[in-house]
């Protein structure tokens, strides 16, 4: 299942994440901090896609070979969340933006050699 993608077309770089139907593995946030798992999941996947677009705009950047496949920087930390808090509805979040809470996965930090929310 493809939850998000990134790439380029000419001089334009892009990242894409859609709203997945309920039950799709891309809509994994249950319970959802905002009470709508597909949207919360799309925010997480869009953050992943934007990180890969910024670090690999032309699909020619470094990859790490792990788990018998090549993995891009943001995918190395796929499904790994840190600094999470529990909302009143029992859902987890680690980011606050424009009056809403979100749960966003970490990205690979070359300086630290680990998954991190910080550069």
N, C-alpha and C. Protein backbone atom coordinates (compact mmCIF):
# COMPACT_ATOMS: atom_id res chain seq x y z
N UNK A 1 0.84 -1.17 0.00
CA UNK A 1 0.00 0.00 0.00
C UNK A 1 0.89 1.24 0.00
N UNK A 2 0.58 2.16 -0.89
CA UNK A 2 1.32 3.41 -0.93
C UNK A 2 0.53 4.47 -0.17
N UNK A 3 1.10 4.97 0.91
CA UNK A 3 0.43 5.97 1.72
C UNK A 3 0.81 7.39 1.31
N UNK A 4 2.00 7.55 0.73
CA UNK A 4 2.47 8.86 0.29
C UNK A 4 3.57 8.64 -0.73
N UNK A 5 3.88 9.69 -1.47
CA UNK A 5 4.99 9.61 -2.41
C UNK A 5 5.59 10.99 -2.59
N UNK A 6 6.79 11.01 -3.15
CA UNK A 6 7.45 12.27 -3.48
C UNK A 6 8.19 12.08 -4.78
N UNK A 7 8.49 13.18 -5.44
CA UNK A 7 9.21 13.09 -6.70
C UNK A 7 9.44 14.46 -7.29
N UNK A 8 9.69 14.48 -8.57
CA UNK A 8 9.91 15.75 -9.26
C UNK A 8 9.42 15.63 -10.69
N UNK A 9 9.06 16.77 -11.25
CA UNK A 9 8.65 16.88 -12.64
C UNK A 9 9.25 18.17 -13.16
N UNK A 10 10.29 18.06 -13.95
CA UNK A 10 11.00 19.25 -14.40
C UNK A 10 11.66 19.94 -13.23
N UNK A 11 11.35 21.21 -13.02
CA UNK A 11 11.91 21.96 -11.90
C UNK A 11 11.03 21.91 -10.66
N UNK A 12 9.97 21.16 -10.70
CA UNK A 12 9.01 21.13 -9.60
C UNK A 12 9.18 19.87 -8.77
N UNK A 13 9.36 20.06 -7.47
CA UNK A 13 9.42 18.94 -6.54
C UNK A 13 8.07 18.83 -5.86
N UNK A 14 7.65 17.62 -5.51
CA UNK A 14 6.35 17.47 -4.88
C UNK A 14 6.34 16.34 -3.87
N UNK A 15 5.41 16.44 -2.97
CA UNK A 15 5.08 15.37 -2.01
C UNK A 15 3.57 15.24 -2.03
N UNK A 16 3.08 14.03 -1.87
CA UNK A 16 1.64 13.79 -1.92
C UNK A 16 1.27 12.79 -0.83
N UNK A 17 0.16 13.05 -0.17
CA UNK A 17 -0.44 12.10 0.78
C UNK A 17 -1.94 12.29 0.67
N UNK A 18 -2.65 11.21 0.50
CA UNK A 18 -4.10 11.29 0.37
C UNK A 18 -4.81 10.92 1.65
N UNK A 19 -6.12 11.10 1.64
CA UNK A 19 -6.96 10.69 2.76
C UNK A 19 -7.39 9.26 2.46
N UNK A 20 -6.91 8.33 3.24
CA UNK A 20 -7.19 6.91 3.03
C UNK A 20 -8.54 6.52 3.61
N UNK A 21 -9.20 5.55 3.00
CA UNK A 21 -10.47 5.09 3.56
C UNK A 21 -10.25 4.39 4.90
N UNK A 22 -11.27 4.42 5.73
CA UNK A 22 -11.20 3.74 7.04
C UNK A 22 -10.85 2.27 6.82
N UNK A 23 -10.02 1.75 7.66
CA UNK A 23 -9.61 0.36 7.57
C UNK A 23 -8.33 0.14 6.78
N UNK A 24 -7.91 1.12 5.99
CA UNK A 24 -6.68 1.01 5.23
C UNK A 24 -5.50 1.12 6.20
N UNK A 25 -4.44 0.39 5.93
CA UNK A 25 -3.28 0.45 6.83
C UNK A 25 -2.66 1.84 6.88
N UNK A 26 -2.93 2.68 5.89
CA UNK A 26 -2.42 4.05 5.92
C UNK A 26 -3.17 4.91 6.94
N UNK A 27 -4.36 4.48 7.33
CA UNK A 27 -5.16 5.22 8.33
C UNK A 27 -5.01 4.55 9.68
N UNK A 28 -3.78 4.48 10.15
CA UNK A 28 -3.46 3.67 11.32
C UNK A 28 -3.73 4.33 12.66
N UNK A 29 -4.12 5.58 12.69
CA UNK A 29 -4.27 6.28 13.95
C UNK A 29 -5.63 5.99 14.57
N UNK A 30 -5.64 5.11 15.52
CA UNK A 30 -6.88 4.78 16.21
C UNK A 30 -6.53 4.47 17.66
N UNK A 31 -6.87 5.25 18.64
CA UNK A 31 -7.73 6.42 18.50
C UNK A 31 -7.00 7.59 17.88
N UNK A 32 -7.75 8.48 17.32
CA UNK A 32 -7.22 9.66 16.64
C UNK A 32 -7.33 10.85 17.58
N UNK A 33 -6.26 11.62 17.69
CA UNK A 33 -6.26 12.78 18.58
C UNK A 33 -7.28 13.82 18.12
N UNK A 34 -7.58 13.85 16.81
CA UNK A 34 -8.55 14.80 16.27
C UNK A 34 -9.86 14.11 15.88
N UNK A 35 -10.05 12.88 16.32
CA UNK A 35 -11.28 12.11 16.11
C UNK A 35 -11.54 11.77 14.65
N UNK A 36 -10.52 11.82 13.78
CA UNK A 36 -10.69 11.42 12.39
C UNK A 36 -9.39 10.78 11.91
N UNK A 37 -9.24 9.46 12.11
CA UNK A 37 -7.98 8.77 11.80
C UNK A 37 -7.43 9.00 10.39
N UNK A 38 -8.25 9.02 9.33
CA UNK A 38 -7.65 9.22 8.00
C UNK A 38 -6.92 10.56 7.84
N UNK A 39 -7.44 11.62 8.43
CA UNK A 39 -6.79 12.93 8.31
C UNK A 39 -5.53 12.98 9.18
N UNK A 40 -5.61 12.46 10.40
CA UNK A 40 -4.42 12.43 11.24
C UNK A 40 -3.31 11.62 10.59
N UNK A 41 -3.66 10.51 9.97
CA UNK A 41 -2.67 9.69 9.28
C UNK A 41 -2.09 10.43 8.08
N UNK A 42 -2.93 11.16 7.33
CA UNK A 42 -2.44 11.91 6.17
C UNK A 42 -1.44 12.98 6.58
N UNK A 43 -1.66 13.63 7.73
CA UNK A 43 -0.71 14.63 8.22
C UNK A 43 0.64 13.96 8.49
N UNK A 44 0.63 12.81 9.11
CA UNK A 44 1.86 12.07 9.37
C UNK A 44 2.57 11.70 8.07
N UNK A 45 1.83 11.17 7.10
CA UNK A 45 2.44 10.75 5.84
C UNK A 45 2.93 11.95 5.03
N UNK A 46 2.22 13.08 5.12
CA UNK A 46 2.67 14.27 4.41
C UNK A 46 3.98 14.78 5.00
N UNK A 47 4.12 14.75 6.31
CA UNK A 47 5.38 15.15 6.94
C UNK A 47 6.51 14.25 6.47
N UNK A 48 6.25 12.96 6.34
CA UNK A 48 7.23 12.00 5.84
C UNK A 48 7.61 12.35 4.40
N UNK A 49 6.62 12.62 3.56
CA UNK A 49 6.89 12.95 2.16
C UNK A 49 7.64 14.25 1.99
N UNK A 50 7.30 15.25 2.80
CA UNK A 50 8.01 16.53 2.72
C UNK A 50 9.46 16.39 3.16
N UNK A 51 9.71 15.59 4.18
CA UNK A 51 11.09 15.36 4.62
C UNK A 51 11.91 14.71 3.51
N UNK A 52 11.32 13.74 2.82
CA UNK A 52 12.03 13.08 1.73
C UNK A 52 12.20 14.01 0.53
N UNK A 53 11.23 14.87 0.27
CA UNK A 53 11.35 15.83 -0.83
C UNK A 53 12.48 16.80 -0.56
N UNK A 54 12.60 17.26 0.68
CA UNK A 54 13.66 18.21 1.03
C UNK A 54 15.05 17.58 0.97
N UNK A 55 15.17 16.32 1.36
CA UNK A 55 16.49 15.69 1.42
C UNK A 55 16.84 14.91 0.17
N UNK A 56 15.85 14.61 -0.67
CA UNK A 56 16.08 13.82 -1.88
C UNK A 56 15.20 14.34 -3.01
N UNK A 57 15.38 15.60 -3.44
CA UNK A 57 14.47 16.20 -4.40
C UNK A 57 14.47 15.54 -5.78
N UNK A 58 15.56 14.91 -6.19
CA UNK A 58 15.62 14.31 -7.52
C UNK A 58 15.72 12.79 -7.51
N UNK A 59 15.52 12.17 -6.37
CA UNK A 59 15.58 10.72 -6.29
C UNK A 59 16.97 10.16 -6.43
N UNK A 60 17.99 10.97 -6.18
CA UNK A 60 19.37 10.52 -6.36
C UNK A 60 20.20 10.63 -5.08
N UNK A 61 19.54 10.91 -3.96
CA UNK A 61 20.26 11.07 -2.70
C UNK A 61 20.58 9.71 -2.08
N UNK A 62 21.15 9.72 -0.90
CA UNK A 62 21.58 8.50 -0.25
C UNK A 62 20.41 7.64 0.22
N UNK A 63 20.67 6.38 0.29
CA UNK A 63 19.74 5.40 0.84
C UNK A 63 20.53 4.54 1.83
N UNK A 64 19.85 4.02 2.79
CA UNK A 64 20.44 3.10 3.75
C UNK A 64 19.93 1.71 3.42
N UNK A 65 20.81 0.74 3.40
CA UNK A 65 20.38 -0.63 3.12
C UNK A 65 20.13 -1.33 4.44
N UNK A 66 18.87 -1.58 4.74
CA UNK A 66 18.50 -2.26 5.97
C UNK A 66 17.27 -3.11 5.77
N UNK A 67 17.14 -4.15 6.53
CA UNK A 67 16.01 -5.07 6.41
C UNK A 67 15.88 -5.58 4.97
N UNK A 68 17.02 -5.79 4.31
CA UNK A 68 17.08 -6.34 2.96
C UNK A 68 16.40 -5.47 1.92
N UNK A 69 16.40 -4.15 2.13
CA UNK A 69 15.87 -3.22 1.14
C UNK A 69 16.51 -1.85 1.35
N UNK A 70 16.44 -1.01 0.33
CA UNK A 70 16.97 0.34 0.42
C UNK A 70 15.90 1.23 1.04
N UNK A 71 16.31 2.04 2.01
CA UNK A 71 15.38 2.86 2.78
C UNK A 71 15.83 4.30 2.74
N UNK A 72 14.92 5.22 2.41
CA UNK A 72 15.25 6.64 2.45
C UNK A 72 15.27 7.14 3.89
N UNK A 73 15.80 8.35 4.07
CA UNK A 73 16.02 8.87 5.42
C UNK A 73 14.76 8.85 6.28
N UNK A 74 13.66 9.39 5.81
CA UNK A 74 12.44 9.45 6.63
C UNK A 74 11.85 8.07 6.85
N UNK A 75 12.05 7.16 5.90
CA UNK A 75 11.49 5.82 6.04
C UNK A 75 12.24 4.96 7.05
N UNK A 76 13.47 5.35 7.38
CA UNK A 76 14.21 4.61 8.40
C UNK A 76 13.51 4.70 9.75
N UNK A 77 12.72 5.73 9.95
CA UNK A 77 12.06 5.95 11.23
C UNK A 77 10.55 5.75 11.11
N UNK A 78 10.12 5.13 10.06
CA UNK A 78 8.69 4.92 9.83
C UNK A 78 8.07 4.16 11.00
N UNK A 79 7.02 4.74 11.55
CA UNK A 79 6.34 4.12 12.67
C UNK A 79 6.99 4.38 14.03
N UNK A 80 8.03 5.21 14.07
CA UNK A 80 8.70 5.51 15.33
C UNK A 80 8.34 6.93 15.75
N UNK A 81 7.74 7.05 16.89
CA UNK A 81 7.28 8.34 17.41
C UNK A 81 7.97 8.59 18.74
N UNK A 82 8.31 9.83 19.00
CA UNK A 82 8.98 10.17 20.24
C UNK A 82 8.35 11.41 20.86
N UNK A 83 8.67 11.64 22.12
CA UNK A 83 8.15 12.81 22.84
C UNK A 83 6.63 12.87 22.80
N UNK A 84 5.96 11.73 22.89
CA UNK A 84 4.50 11.68 22.77
C UNK A 84 3.82 11.91 24.12
N UNK A 85 2.70 12.58 24.04
CA UNK A 85 1.84 12.84 25.18
C UNK A 85 0.51 12.17 24.91
N UNK A 86 -0.28 11.97 25.95
CA UNK A 86 -1.59 11.35 25.80
C UNK A 86 -2.67 12.42 25.94
N UNK A 87 -3.52 12.50 24.92
CA UNK A 87 -4.63 13.47 24.92
C UNK A 87 -5.77 12.94 25.80
N UNK A 88 -6.74 13.78 26.06
CA UNK A 88 -7.86 13.39 26.92
C UNK A 88 -8.68 12.23 26.36
N UNK A 89 -8.62 12.01 25.03
CA UNK A 89 -9.36 10.89 24.43
C UNK A 89 -8.51 9.62 24.34
N UNK A 90 -7.31 9.64 24.92
CA UNK A 90 -6.46 8.45 24.93
C UNK A 90 -5.53 8.33 23.74
N UNK A 91 -5.63 9.26 22.78
CA UNK A 91 -4.76 9.23 21.60
C UNK A 91 -3.43 9.91 21.93
N UNK A 92 -2.42 9.56 21.17
CA UNK A 92 -1.10 10.15 21.37
C UNK A 92 -0.88 11.33 20.42
N UNK A 93 -0.05 12.28 20.85
CA UNK A 93 0.36 13.39 20.01
C UNK A 93 1.75 13.83 20.42
N UNK A 94 2.48 14.43 19.47
CA UNK A 94 3.80 14.97 19.78
C UNK A 94 4.06 16.31 19.10
N UNK A 95 3.01 16.90 18.53
CA UNK A 95 3.16 18.17 17.84
C UNK A 95 1.88 18.98 17.99
N UNK A 96 2.04 20.28 18.13
CA UNK A 96 0.92 21.20 18.24
C UNK A 96 1.09 22.26 17.16
N UNK A 97 0.12 22.36 16.24
CA UNK A 97 0.19 23.31 15.14
C UNK A 97 -1.18 23.93 14.92
N UNK A 98 -1.24 25.23 14.93
CA UNK A 98 -2.48 25.98 14.62
C UNK A 98 -3.68 25.50 15.42
N UNK A 99 -3.47 25.28 16.70
CA UNK A 99 -4.58 24.91 17.57
C UNK A 99 -4.97 23.44 17.55
N UNK A 100 -4.20 22.60 16.88
CA UNK A 100 -4.51 21.16 16.83
C UNK A 100 -3.28 20.35 17.20
N UNK A 101 -3.53 19.17 17.72
CA UNK A 101 -2.47 18.24 18.07
C UNK A 101 -2.35 17.18 16.97
N UNK A 102 -1.10 16.72 16.76
CA UNK A 102 -0.85 15.69 15.74
C UNK A 102 0.21 14.73 16.26
N UNK A 103 0.19 13.54 15.73
CA UNK A 103 1.24 12.55 15.99
C UNK A 103 2.01 12.38 14.70
N UNK A 104 3.28 12.80 14.70
CA UNK A 104 4.11 12.76 13.51
C UNK A 104 5.37 11.95 13.81
N UNK A 105 5.71 11.05 12.89
CA UNK A 105 6.87 10.20 13.12
C UNK A 105 8.17 10.99 13.04
N UNK A 106 9.21 10.43 13.57
CA UNK A 106 10.53 11.05 13.55
C UNK A 106 11.18 10.88 12.18
N UNK A 107 12.30 11.55 11.98
CA UNK A 107 13.11 11.41 10.77
C UNK A 107 14.54 11.08 11.17
N UNK A 108 15.28 10.50 10.23
CA UNK A 108 16.66 10.14 10.50
C UNK A 108 17.50 11.39 10.61
N UNK A 109 18.29 11.47 11.67
CA UNK A 109 19.16 12.60 11.92
C UNK A 109 20.60 12.12 11.72
N UNK A 110 21.25 12.60 10.65
CA UNK A 110 22.62 12.17 10.35
C UNK A 110 23.59 12.54 11.46
N UNK A 111 23.42 13.72 12.03
CA UNK A 111 24.32 14.17 13.09
C UNK A 111 24.26 13.27 14.30
N UNK A 112 23.02 12.88 14.68
CA UNK A 112 22.86 12.02 15.85
C UNK A 112 23.00 10.53 15.52
N UNK A 113 22.79 10.18 14.26
CA UNK A 113 22.80 8.78 13.87
C UNK A 113 21.63 8.03 14.47
N UNK A 114 20.48 8.71 14.56
CA UNK A 114 19.31 8.11 15.19
C UNK A 114 18.04 8.84 14.70
N UNK A 115 16.90 8.26 14.99
CA UNK A 115 15.62 8.90 14.71
C UNK A 115 15.41 10.02 15.71
N UNK A 116 14.94 11.17 15.20
CA UNK A 116 14.77 12.33 16.07
C UNK A 116 13.71 13.26 15.51
N UNK A 117 13.09 14.03 16.39
CA UNK A 117 12.16 15.07 15.97
C UNK A 117 12.87 16.38 15.69
N UNK A 118 14.15 16.44 16.01
CA UNK A 118 14.88 17.70 15.93
C UNK A 118 16.07 17.56 14.99
N UNK A 119 16.44 18.67 14.30
CA UNK A 119 17.59 18.62 13.38
C UNK A 119 18.93 18.53 14.10
